[in-house]
Amino acid sequence: MDYGRPVQFGNFLIPDATRPLRPVEQAVRADALGIDLIGIQDHPYQWRFHDTWTLLTAIAMRTERVTVFPDVANLPLRPPAVLAKAAASLDLLSGGRVELGLGAGGFWEAIKAMGGPLRTPGESVKALEEAIEVIRLVWSGKRGLRYDGRFYQLAGLNAGPAPSRSIGIWLGAYKPRMLALIGRSADGWVPSLGPLKPEEMAEASARIDDAARAAGRDPTSIRRLLNVGANLSAEEFAELALEYGFDTFMVGGWPDESDGLQRFLEDVAPRARELVAAGRDRGPRELKA
């Protein structure tokens, strides 16, 4: 299923704090080379990693055009009302260059070690659904906001600042209940190749589409990003776009100090876009013939 969206490429960076400025330097270079997005994983309990939101802010202040987002934010350790304010603030500070990736949680013992809650899979989905509602309420900038959920509450909050634009909420998801939540409530899907296998992509995407239609939403409005390694060919990227509907690829894994990203953006990315355009003209199956 091809949803016809423009193909973009992002850089998935490791928030390595053992060389504190290295991720920022990598992001600045990626921005200069023309990358579309910078994504940073969020594992606050990992002692080798920077705090993701602090790093995203530092990157946004040092770059000029690239969009930044947590890939994906660890919701159990980040209260949604505070996360919403942080995202709105960075949106204003960066000139509208932030999106919000959200995850229900994982590595539960590590989350517990940092003071976070232990949640069952069902509780995780429900908490994420509530968080989306809370975040959007906070982004409204209205006064006296109230929300009475099982996991999150607002008790007369005067929200603000409001973001300058509509910030997308993208969910990292694999299981049926999470995929259905994307279709009902989210703006994007951001899984990783590996945990999501090629043979699972069509069914997963169909679950999102079915839930979107049931909620009266257009499935083509939902953005589909994929975290991948740096070893895919232009033909493989084109197939992922034309056959499975992914429109954005977060690529990482080049050795430090290499020119892998530059070669990728000069050779692989343009070729992938050409193949997608050709496939859309002729039909995706001709590309594979």
C-alpha atoms as a PDB file:
ATOM      1  CA  MET A   1       0.000   0.000   0.000  1.00  0.00           C
ATOM      2  CA  ASP A   2       1.491   3.285  -1.155  1.00  0.00           C
ATOM      3  CA  TYR A   3      -0.042   6.363   0.472  1.00  0.00           C
ATOM      4  CA  GLY A   4       1.628   8.764  -1.945  1.00  0.00           C
ATOM      5  CA  ARG A   5       3.401  10.923   0.620  1.00  0.00           C
ATOM      6  CA  PRO A   6       6.766  12.576  -0.170  1.00  0.00           C
ATOM      7  CA  VAL A   7       9.750  10.437   0.800  1.00  0.00           C
ATOM      8  CA  GLN A   8      11.997  11.897   3.487  1.00  0.00           C
ATOM      9  CA  PHE A   9      15.150  10.727   5.244  1.00  0.00           C
ATOM     10  CA  GLY A  10      16.209  11.279   8.825  1.00  0.00           C
ATOM     11  CA  ASN A  11      19.235  10.516  10.971  1.00  0.00           C
ATOM     12  CA  PHE A  12      18.823   8.381  14.095  1.00  0.00           C
ATOM     13  CA  LEU A  13      21.530   9.548  16.513  1.00  0.00           C
ATOM     14  CA  ILE A  14      22.827   7.871  19.673  1.00  0.00           C
ATOM     15  CA  PRO A  15      22.660  10.261  22.672  1.00  0.00           C
ATOM     16  CA  ASP A  16      26.150   9.269  23.809  1.00  0.00           C
ATOM     17  CA  ALA A  17      27.139  11.290  26.875  1.00  0.00           C
ATOM     18  CA  THR A  18      30.635   9.802  27.105  1.00  0.00           C
ATOM     19  CA  ARG A  19      31.604  12.255  24.358  1.00  0.00           C
ATOM     20  CA  PRO A  20      29.216  15.027  25.357  1.00  0.00           C
ATOM     21  CA  LEU A  21      29.246  17.247  22.273  1.00  0.00           C
ATOM     22  CA  ARG A  22      29.511  14.489  19.683  1.00  0.00           C
ATOM     23  CA  PRO A  23      25.728  14.046  19.079  1.00  0.00           C
ATOM     24  CA  VAL A  24      25.284  17.794  18.633  1.00  0.00           C
ATOM     25  CA  GLU A  25      28.187  17.933  16.183  1.00  0.00           C
ATOM     26  CA  GLN A  26      26.707  15.023  14.239  1.00  0.00           C
ATOM     27  CA  ALA A  27      23.340  16.758  14.085  1.00  0.00           C
ATOM     28  CA  VAL A  28      24.851  20.033  12.893  1.00  0.00           C
ATOM     29  CA  ARG A  29      26.651  18.198  10.101  1.00  0.00           C
ATOM     30  CA  ALA A  30      23.515  16.249   9.154  1.00  0.00           C
ATOM     31  CA  ASP A  31      21.558  19.496   8.998  1.00  0.00           C
ATOM     32  CA  ALA A  32      24.186  21.066   6.734  1.00  0.00           C
ATOM     33  CA  LEU A  33      24.076  18.009   4.462  1.00  0.00           C
ATOM     34  CA  GLY A  34      20.313  18.338   4.046  1.00  0.00           C
ATOM     35  CA  ILE A  35      18.832  15.623   6.257  1.00  0.00           C
ATOM     36  CA  ASP A  36      15.118  16.094   6.952  1.00  0.00           C
ATOM     37  CA  LEU A  37      14.832  14.897  10.555  1.00  0.00           C
ATOM     38  CA  ILE A  38      16.930  14.082  13.609  1.00  0.00           C
ATOM     39  CA  GLY A  39      15.580  11.420  15.970  1.00  0.00           C
ATOM     40  CA  ILE A  40      16.935  10.645  19.454  1.00  0.00           C
ATOM     41  CA  GLN A  41      16.015   7.530  21.440  1.00  0.00           C
ATOM     42  CA  ASP A  42      14.810   8.060  24.998  1.00  0.00           C
ATOM     43  CA  HIS A  43      16.182   5.793  27.728  1.00  0.00           C
ATOM     44  CA  PRO A  44      16.580   8.028  30.802  1.00  0.00           C
ATOM     45  CA  TYR A  45      17.821   5.130  32.961  1.00  0.00           C
ATOM     46  CA  GLN A  46      20.801   4.515  30.642  1.00  0.00           C
ATOM     47  CA  TRP A  47      23.739   6.144  32.413  1.00  0.00           C
ATOM     48  CA  ARG A  48      25.753   6.549  29.205  1.00  0.00           C
ATOM     49  CA  PHE A  49      23.037   8.637  27.551  1.00  0.00           C
ATOM     50  CA  HIS A  50      22.188  12.322  27.671  1.00  0.00           C
ATOM     51  CA  ASP A  51      18.695  13.316  28.684  1.00  0.00           C
ATOM     52  CA  THR A  52      16.889  13.185  25.365  1.00  0.00           C
ATOM     53  CA  TRP A  53      14.867  16.381  25.663  1.00  0.00           C
ATOM     54  CA  THR A  54      17.877  18.412  26.741  1.00  0.00           C
ATOM     55  CA  LEU A  55      19.844  17.058  23.794  1.00  0.00           C
ATOM     56  CA  LEU A  56      17.018  17.773  21.340  1.00  0.00           C
ATOM     57  CA  THR A  57      16.921  21.355  22.581  1.00  0.00           C
ATOM     58  CA  ALA A  58      20.680  21.741  22.178  1.00  0.00           C
ATOM     59  CA  ILE A  59      20.444  20.340  18.643  1.00  0.00           C
ATOM     60  CA  ALA A  60      17.531  22.589  17.706  1.00  0.00           C
ATOM     61  CA  MET A  61      19.451  25.641  18.883  1.00  0.00           C
ATOM     62  CA  ARG A  62      22.514  24.700  16.822  1.00  0.00           C
ATOM     63  CA  THR A  63      20.730  23.776  13.588  1.00  0.00           C
ATOM     64  CA  GLU A  64      18.783  25.818  11.071  1.00  0.00           C
ATOM     65  CA  ARG A  65      16.329  23.676   9.125  1.00  0.00           C
ATOM     66  CA  VAL A  66      16.125  20.095  10.403  1.00  0.00           C
ATOM     67  CA  THR A  67      13.109  18.832  12.386  1.00  0.00           C
ATOM     68  CA  VAL A  68      13.880  17.099  15.701  1.00  0.00           C
ATOM     69  CA  PHE A  69      11.876  14.564  17.707  1.00  0.00           C
ATOM     70  CA  PRO A  70      12.238  11.949  20.467  1.00  0.00           C
ATOM     71  CA  ASP A  71      12.277   8.541  18.809  1.00  0.00           C
ATOM     72  CA  VAL A  72      10.356   7.777  21.042  1.00  0.00           C
ATOM     73  CA  ALA A  73       9.752   9.524  24.406  1.00  0.00           C
ATOM     74  CA  ASN A  74       9.550   7.212  27.419  1.00  0.00           C
ATOM     75  CA  LEU A  75       6.065   8.085  28.644  1.00  0.00           C
ATOM     76  CA  PRO A  76       6.221   6.361  32.077  1.00  0.00           C
ATOM     77  CA  LEU A  77       9.116   8.652  33.041  1.00  0.00           C
ATOM     78  CA  ARG A  78       7.754  11.835  31.403  1.00  0.00           C
ATOM     79  CA  PRO A  79       4.418  13.227  32.689  1.00  0.00           C
ATOM     80  CA  PRO A  80       2.373  14.140  29.613  1.00  0.00           C
ATOM     81  CA  ALA A  81       1.417  17.664  30.719  1.00  0.00           C
ATOM     82  CA  VAL A  82       5.069  18.534  31.290  1.00  0.00           C
ATOM     83  CA  LEU A  83       6.063  16.808  28.039  1.00  0.00           C
ATOM     84  CA  ALA A  84       3.439  18.843  26.186  1.00  0.00           C
ATOM     85  CA  LYS A  85       4.837  22.088  27.598  1.00  0.00           C
ATOM     86  CA  ALA A  86       8.377  21.051  26.691  1.00  0.00           C
ATOM     87  CA  ALA A  87       7.351  20.264  23.113  1.00  0.00           C
ATOM     88  CA  ALA A  88       5.413  23.511  22.731  1.00  0.00           C
ATOM     89  CA  SER A  89       8.334  25.499  24.116  1.00  0.00           C
ATOM     90  CA  LEU A  90      10.814  23.868  21.746  1.00  0.00           C
ATOM     91  CA  ASP A  91       8.412  24.422  18.862  1.00  0.00           C
ATOM     92  CA  LEU A  92       8.448  28.158  19.625  1.00  0.00           C
ATOM     93  CA  LEU A  93      12.187  28.314  20.216  1.00  0.00           C
ATOM     94  CA  SER A  94      13.042  26.399  17.036  1.00  0.00           C
ATOM     95  CA  GLY A  95      10.647  28.082  14.649  1.00  0.00           C
ATOM     96  CA  GLY A  96       8.328  25.075  14.370  1.00  0.00           C
ATOM     97  CA  ARG A  97      10.916  22.301  13.994  1.00  0.00           C
ATOM     98  CA  VAL A  98       9.735  19.702  16.500  1.00  0.00           C
ATOM     99  CA  GLU A  99       7.478  16.644  16.452  1.00  0.00           C
ATOM    100  CA  LEU A 100       6.644  14.295  19.334  1.00  0.00           C
ATOM    101  CA  GLY A 101       7.334  10.568  19.250  1.00  0.00           C
ATOM    102  CA  LEU A 102       5.758   8.646  22.132  1.00  0.00           C
ATOM    103  CA  GLY A 103       6.266   5.144  23.485  1.00  0.00           C
ATOM    104  CA  ALA A 104       4.204   3.246  26.052  1.00  0.00           C
ATOM    105  CA  GLY A 105       7.339   2.053  27.846  1.00  0.00           C
ATOM    106  CA  GLY A 106       9.651  -0.928  28.007  1.00  0.00           C
ATOM    107  CA  PHE A 107      12.516  -2.168  30.160  1.00  0.00           C
ATOM    108  CA  TRP A 108      10.150  -1.974  33.086  1.00  0.00           C
ATOM    109  CA  GLU A 109      12.642  -2.872  35.804  1.00  0.00           C
ATOM    110  CA  ALA A 110      14.871  -0.016  34.641  1.00  0.00           C
ATOM    111  CA  ILE A 111      11.877   2.329  34.659  1.00  0.00           C
ATOM    112  CA  LYS A 112      11.051   1.166  38.189  1.00  0.00           C
ATOM    113  CA  ALA A 113      14.661   1.756  39.247  1.00  0.00           C
ATOM    114  CA  MET A 114      14.274   5.402  38.223  1.00  0.00           C
ATOM    115  CA  GLY A 115      11.050   5.843  40.159  1.00  0.00           C
ATOM    116  CA  GLY A 116       8.633   5.117  37.337  1.00  0.00           C
ATOM    117  CA  PRO A 117       5.551   2.884  37.435  1.00  0.00           C
ATOM    118  CA  LEU A 118       5.309  -0.790  36.517  1.00  0.00           C
ATOM    119  CA  ARG A 119       2.474  -1.265  34.029  1.00  0.00           C
ATOM    120  CA  THR A 120       0.912  -4.248  32.330  1.00  0.00           C
ATOM    121  CA  PRO A 121       0.586  -4.185  28.537  1.00  0.00           C
ATOM    122  CA  GLY A 122      -3.073  -3.222  28.834  1.00  0.00           C
ATOM    123  CA  GLU A 123      -2.292  -0.469  31.329  1.00  0.00           C
ATOM    124  CA  SER A 124       0.457   0.836  29.061  1.00  0.00           C
ATOM    125  CA  VAL A 125      -1.904   1.242  26.124  1.00  0.00           C
ATOM    126  CA  LYS A 126      -4.565   2.950  28.236  1.00  0.00           C
ATOM    127  CA  ALA A 127      -1.990   5.291  29.795  1.00  0.00           C
ATOM    128  CA  LEU A 128      -0.693   6.229  26.350  1.00  0.00           C
ATOM    129  CA  GLU A 129      -4.207   6.910  25.090  1.00  0.00           C
ATOM    130  CA  GLU A 130      -4.846   9.191  28.069  1.00  0.00           C
ATOM    131  CA  ALA A 131      -1.494  10.904  27.546  1.00  0.00           C
ATOM    132  CA  ILE A 132      -2.373  11.809  23.962  1.00  0.00           C
ATOM    133  CA  GLU A 133      -5.592  13.430  25.182  1.00  0.00           C
ATOM    134  CA  VAL A 134      -3.787  15.311  27.954  1.00  0.00           C
ATOM    135  CA  ILE A 135      -1.051  16.540  25.613  1.00  0.00           C
ATOM    136  CA  ARG A 136      -3.536  17.909  23.122  1.00  0.00           C
ATOM    137  CA  LEU A 137      -5.508  19.595  25.888  1.00  0.00           C
ATOM    138  CA  VAL A 138      -2.349  21.293  27.135  1.00  0.00           C
ATOM    139  CA  TRP A 139      -1.463  22.385  23.605  1.00  0.00           C
ATOM    140  CA  SER A 140      -4.856  24.107  23.369  1.00  0.00           C
ATOM    141  CA  GLY A 141      -3.508  26.805  25.703  1.00  0.00           C
ATOM    142  CA  LYS A 142      -6.873  27.080  27.444  1.00  0.00           C
ATOM    143  CA  ARG A 143      -7.443  27.977  31.089  1.00  0.00           C
ATOM    144  CA  GLY A 144      -8.959  25.809  33.792  1.00  0.00           C
ATOM    145  CA  LEU A 145      -8.277  22.512  32.023  1.00  0.00           C
ATOM    146  CA  ARG A 146      -9.615  19.403  33.712  1.00  0.00           C
ATOM    147  CA  TYR A 147      -9.043  15.761  32.907  1.00  0.00           C
ATOM    148  CA  ASP A 148      -9.974  12.809  35.083  1.00  0.00           C
ATOM    149  CA  GLY A 149      -8.254   9.719  33.753  1.00  0.00           C
ATOM    150  CA  ARG A 150      -7.143   6.508  35.387  1.00  0.00           C
ATOM    151  CA  PHE A 151      -3.463   7.385  34.990  1.00  0.00           C
ATOM    152  CA  TYR A 152      -3.378  11.143  34.412  1.00  0.00           C
ATOM    153  CA  GLN A 153      -5.341  14.078  35.751  1.00  0.00           C
ATOM    154  CA  LEU A 154      -5.584  17.818  35.225  1.00  0.00           C
ATOM    155  CA  ALA A 155      -7.244  19.846  37.961  1.00  0.00           C
ATOM    156  CA  GLY A 156      -7.838  23.343  36.642  1.00  0.00           C
ATOM    157  CA  LEU A 157      -4.589  23.804  34.707  1.00  0.00           C
ATOM    158  CA  ASN A 158      -3.958  27.114  32.974  1.00  0.00           C
ATOM    159  CA  ALA A 159      -2.045  25.805  29.965  1.00  0.00           C
ATOM    160  CA  GLY A 160       0.585  27.553  27.917  1.00  0.00           C
ATOM    161  CA  PRO A 161       2.445  28.437  25.895  1.00  0.00           C
ATOM    162  CA  ALA A 162       0.562  27.001  22.960  1.00  0.00           C
ATOM    163  CA  PRO A 163       2.690  25.713  20.070  1.00  0.00           C
ATOM    164  CA  SER A 164       2.927  27.762  16.901  1.00  0.00           C
ATOM    165  CA  ARG A 165       1.617  24.912  14.756  1.00  0.00           C
ATOM    166  CA  SER A 166       0.062  21.485  14.985  1.00  0.00           C
ATOM    167  CA  ILE A 167       2.752  19.179  16.403  1.00  0.00           C
ATOM    168  CA  GLY A 168       2.473  15.590  15.227  1.00  0.00           C
ATOM    169  CA  ILE A 169       2.209  12.753  17.752  1.00  0.00           C
ATOM    170  CA  TRP A 170       3.935   9.644  16.405  1.00  0.00           C
ATOM    171  CA  LEU A 171       3.726   6.341  18.265  1.00  0.00           C
ATOM    172  CA  GLY A 172       6.311   3.585  18.425  1.00  0.00           C
ATOM    173  CA  ALA A 173       4.038   0.537  18.197  1.00  0.00           C
ATOM    174  CA  TYR A 174       3.950  -3.127  17.163  1.00  0.00           C
ATOM    175  CA  LYS A 175       1.054  -4.911  18.874  1.00  0.00           C
ATOM    176  CA  PRO A 176      -2.608  -4.838  17.785  1.00  0.00           C
ATOM    177  CA  ARG A 177      -3.951  -2.570  20.539  1.00  0.00           C
ATOM    178  CA  MET A 178      -1.212  -0.012  19.986  1.00  0.00           C
ATOM    179  CA  LEU A 179      -1.665  -0.088  16.225  1.00  0.00           C
ATOM    180  CA  ALA A 180      -5.391   0.488  16.654  1.00  0.00           C
ATOM    181  CA  LEU A 181      -4.616   3.454  18.921  1.00  0.00           C
ATOM    182  CA  ILE A 182      -2.522   4.986  16.144  1.00  0.00           C
ATOM    183  CA  GLY A 183      -5.434   4.685  13.750  1.00  0.00           C
ATOM    184  CA  ARG A 184      -7.860   6.266  16.223  1.00  0.00           C
ATOM    185  CA  SER A 185      -5.771   8.990  17.751  1.00  0.00           C
ATOM    186  CA  ALA A 186      -2.201   9.498  16.515  1.00  0.00           C
ATOM    187  CA  ASP A 187      -0.600  11.376  13.639  1.00  0.00           C
ATOM    188  CA  GLY A 188       2.142   8.890  12.818  1.00  0.00           C
ATOM    189  CA  TRP A 189       3.662   5.458  13.272  1.00  0.00           C
ATOM    190  CA  VAL A 190       7.396   5.047  13.997  1.00  0.00           C
ATOM    191  CA  PRO A 191       8.473   1.393  14.405  1.00  0.00           C
ATOM    192  CA  SER A 192      11.964  -0.053  13.903  1.00  0.00           C
ATOM    193  CA  LEU A 193      12.997  -2.601  11.300  1.00  0.00           C
ATOM    194  CA  GLY A 194      13.930  -5.726  13.221  1.00  0.00           C
ATOM    195  CA  PRO A 195      11.257  -5.620  15.913  1.00  0.00           C
ATOM    196  CA  LEU A 196       8.919  -5.056  12.959  1.00  0.00           C
ATOM    197  CA  LYS A 197       9.648  -7.714  10.340  1.00  0.00           C
ATOM    198  CA  PRO A 198       8.868  -7.262   6.641  1.00  0.00           C
ATOM    199  CA  GLU A 199       6.318 -10.072   6.693  1.00  0.00           C
ATOM    200  CA  GLU A 200       4.434  -8.226   9.465  1.00  0.00           C
ATOM    201  CA  MET A 201       4.291  -4.814   7.810  1.00  0.00           C
ATOM    202  CA  ALA A 202       1.201  -5.226   5.659  1.00  0.00           C
ATOM    203  CA  GLU A 203      -0.947  -6.600   8.488  1.00  0.00           C
ATOM    204  CA  ALA A 204       0.261  -3.951  10.932  1.00  0.00           C
ATOM    205  CA  SER A 205      -0.460  -1.144   8.496  1.00  0.00           C
ATOM    206  CA  ALA A 206      -3.892  -2.601   7.748  1.00  0.00           C
ATOM    207  CA  ARG A 207      -4.750  -2.546  11.459  1.00  0.00           C
ATOM    208  CA  ILE A 208      -3.901   1.150  11.561  1.00  0.00           C
ATOM    209  CA  ASP A 209      -5.986   1.817   8.457  1.00  0.00           C
ATOM    210  CA  ASP A 210      -9.001  -0.144   9.721  1.00  0.00           C
ATOM    211  CA  ALA A 211      -8.955   1.701  13.055  1.00  0.00           C
ATOM    212  CA  ALA A 212      -8.603   5.042  11.286  1.00  0.00           C
ATOM    213  CA  ARG A 213     -11.601   4.384   9.039  1.00  0.00           C
ATOM    214  CA  ALA A 214     -13.677   3.193  12.006  1.00  0.00           C
ATOM    215  CA  ALA A 215     -12.871   6.496  13.731  1.00  0.00           C
ATOM    216  CA  GLY A 216     -13.833   8.489  10.634  1.00  0.00           C
ATOM    217  CA  ARG A 217     -10.222   9.348   9.789  1.00  0.00           C
ATOM    218  CA  ASP A 218      -8.371   9.184   6.476  1.00  0.00           C
ATOM    219  CA  PRO A 219      -5.551   6.586   6.707  1.00  0.00           C
ATOM    220  CA  THR A 220      -3.442   8.624   4.281  1.00  0.00           C
ATOM    221  CA  SER A 221      -3.245  11.402   6.894  1.00  0.00           C
ATOM    222  CA  ILE A 222      -1.161   9.149   9.172  1.00  0.00           C
ATOM    223  CA  ARG A 223       2.563   9.495   8.636  1.00  0.00           C
ATOM    224  CA  ARG A 224       4.649   6.292   8.563  1.00  0.00           C
ATOM    225  CA  LEU A 225       8.288   6.405   9.616  1.00  0.00           C
ATOM    226  CA  LEU A 226      10.706   3.501   9.925  1.00  0.00           C
ATOM    227  CA  ASN A 227      13.961   3.280  11.884  1.00  0.00           C
ATOM    228  CA  VAL A 228      16.432   1.330   9.740  1.00  0.00           C
ATOM    229  CA  GLY A 229      20.134   0.576   9.482  1.00  0.00           C
ATOM    230  CA  ALA A 230      22.465   2.224   7.030  1.00  0.00           C
ATOM    231  CA  ASN A 231      22.919  -0.877   4.896  1.00  0.00           C
ATOM    232  CA  LEU A 232      19.688  -0.815   2.860  1.00  0.00           C
ATOM    233  CA  SER A 233      19.836  -0.180  -0.865  1.00  0.00           C
ATOM    234  CA  ALA A 234      17.849   2.419  -2.787  1.00  0.00           C
ATOM    235  CA  GLU A 235      15.755  -0.430  -4.196  1.00  0.00           C
ATOM    236  CA  GLU A 236      14.914  -1.643  -0.698  1.00  0.00           C
ATOM    237  CA  PHE A 237      13.884   1.829   0.428  1.00  0.00           C
ATOM    238  CA  ALA A 238      11.675   2.156  -2.652  1.00  0.00           C
ATOM    239  CA  GLU A 239      10.031  -1.181  -1.942  1.00  0.00           C
ATOM    240  CA  LEU A 240       9.311  -0.162   1.658  1.00  0.00           C
ATOM    241  CA  ALA A 241       7.629   2.988   0.352  1.00  0.00           C
ATOM    242  CA  LEU A 242       5.702   1.484  -2.541  1.00  0.00           C
ATOM    243  CA  GLU A 243       4.704  -1.863  -1.061  1.00  0.00           C
ATOM    244  CA  TYR A 244       4.306  -1.009   2.628  1.00  0.00           C
ATOM    245  CA  GLY A 245       3.554   2.706   2.696  1.00  0.00           C
ATOM    246  CA  PHE A 246       6.506   4.077   4.661  1.00  0.00           C
ATOM    247  CA  ASP A 247       7.249   7.686   3.743  1.00  0.00           C
ATOM    248  CA  THR A 248      10.131   8.552   6.100  1.00  0.00           C
ATOM    249  CA  PHE A 249      13.252   6.546   6.948  1.00  0.00           C
ATOM    250  CA  MET A 250      15.326   7.230  10.060  1.00  0.00           C
ATOM    251  CA  VAL A 251      18.754   5.918   9.120  1.00  0.00           C
ATOM    252  CA  GLY A 252      21.748   5.395  11.383  1.00  0.00           C
ATOM    253  CA  GLY A 253      24.684   3.118  12.016  1.00  0.00           C
ATOM    254  CA  TRP A 254      27.595   4.662  10.148  1.00  0.00           C
ATOM    255  CA  PRO A 255      30.965   4.425  11.916  1.00  0.00           C
ATOM    256  CA  ASP A 256      32.123   7.554  13.691  1.00  0.00           C
ATOM    257  CA  GLU A 257      34.205   9.912  11.594  1.00  0.00           C
ATOM    258  CA  SER A 258      33.011   8.290   8.361  1.00  0.00           C
ATOM    259  CA  ASP A 259      31.439  10.087   5.409  1.00  0.00           C
ATOM    260  CA  GLY A 260      28.662   7.493   5.241  1.00  0.00           C
ATOM    261  CA  LEU A 261      25.841   9.990   5.744  1.00  0.00           C
ATOM    262  CA  GLN A 262      27.128  12.249   2.985  1.00  0.00           C
ATOM    263  CA  ARG A 263      27.438   9.336   0.560  1.00  0.00           C
ATOM    264  CA  PHE A 264      23.960   8.178   1.532  1.00  0.00           C
ATOM    265  CA  LEU A 265      22.405  11.583   0.868  1.00  0.00           C
ATOM    266  CA  GLU A 266      24.297  12.015  -2.393  1.00  0.00           C
ATOM    267  CA  ASP A 267      23.746   8.532  -3.813  1.00  0.00           C
ATOM    268  CA  VAL A 268      21.166   6.343  -2.071  1.00  0.00           C
ATOM    269  CA  ALA A 269      18.492   8.869  -1.062  1.00  0.00           C
ATOM    270  CA  PRO A 270      18.121  10.526  -4.500  1.00  0.00           C
ATOM    271  CA  ARG A 271      18.047   7.133  -6.213  1.00  0.00           C
ATOM    272  CA  ALA A 272      15.385   5.882  -3.789  1.00  0.00           C
ATOM    273  CA  ARG A 273      13.235   8.940  -4.493  1.00  0.00           C
ATOM    274  CA  GLU A 274      13.643   8.413  -8.243  1.00  0.00           C
ATOM    275  CA  LEU A 275      12.555   4.778  -7.915  1.00  0.00           C
ATOM    276  CA  VAL A 276       9.531   5.739  -5.845  1.00  0.00           C
ATOM    277  CA  ALA A 277       8.508   8.372  -8.392  1.00  0.00           C
ATOM    278  CA  ALA A 278       8.952   5.866 -11.220  1.00  0.00           C
ATOM    279  CA  GLY A 279       7.026   3.218  -9.299  1.00  0.00           C
ATOM    280  CA  ARG A 280       4.164   5.614  -8.710  1.00  0.00           C
ATOM    281  CA  ASP A 281       4.037   6.316 -12.438  1.00  0.00           C
ATOM    282  CA  ARG A 282       4.234   2.677 -13.554  1.00  0.00           C
ATOM    283  CA  GLY A 283       2.963   0.729 -10.559  1.00  0.00           C
ATOM    284  CA  PRO A 284       5.136  -0.734  -7.772  1.00  0.00           C
ATOM    285  CA  ARG A 285       5.262  -4.258  -9.156  1.00  0.00           C
ATOM    286  CA  GLU A 286       7.047  -3.135 -12.302  1.00  0.00           C
ATOM    287  CA  LEU A 287       9.843  -1.791 -10.101  1.00  0.00           C
ATOM    288  CA  LYS A 288      10.420  -5.302  -8.707  1.00  0.00           C
ATOM    289  CA  ALA A 289      10.212  -7.104 -12.061  1.00  0.00           C
END
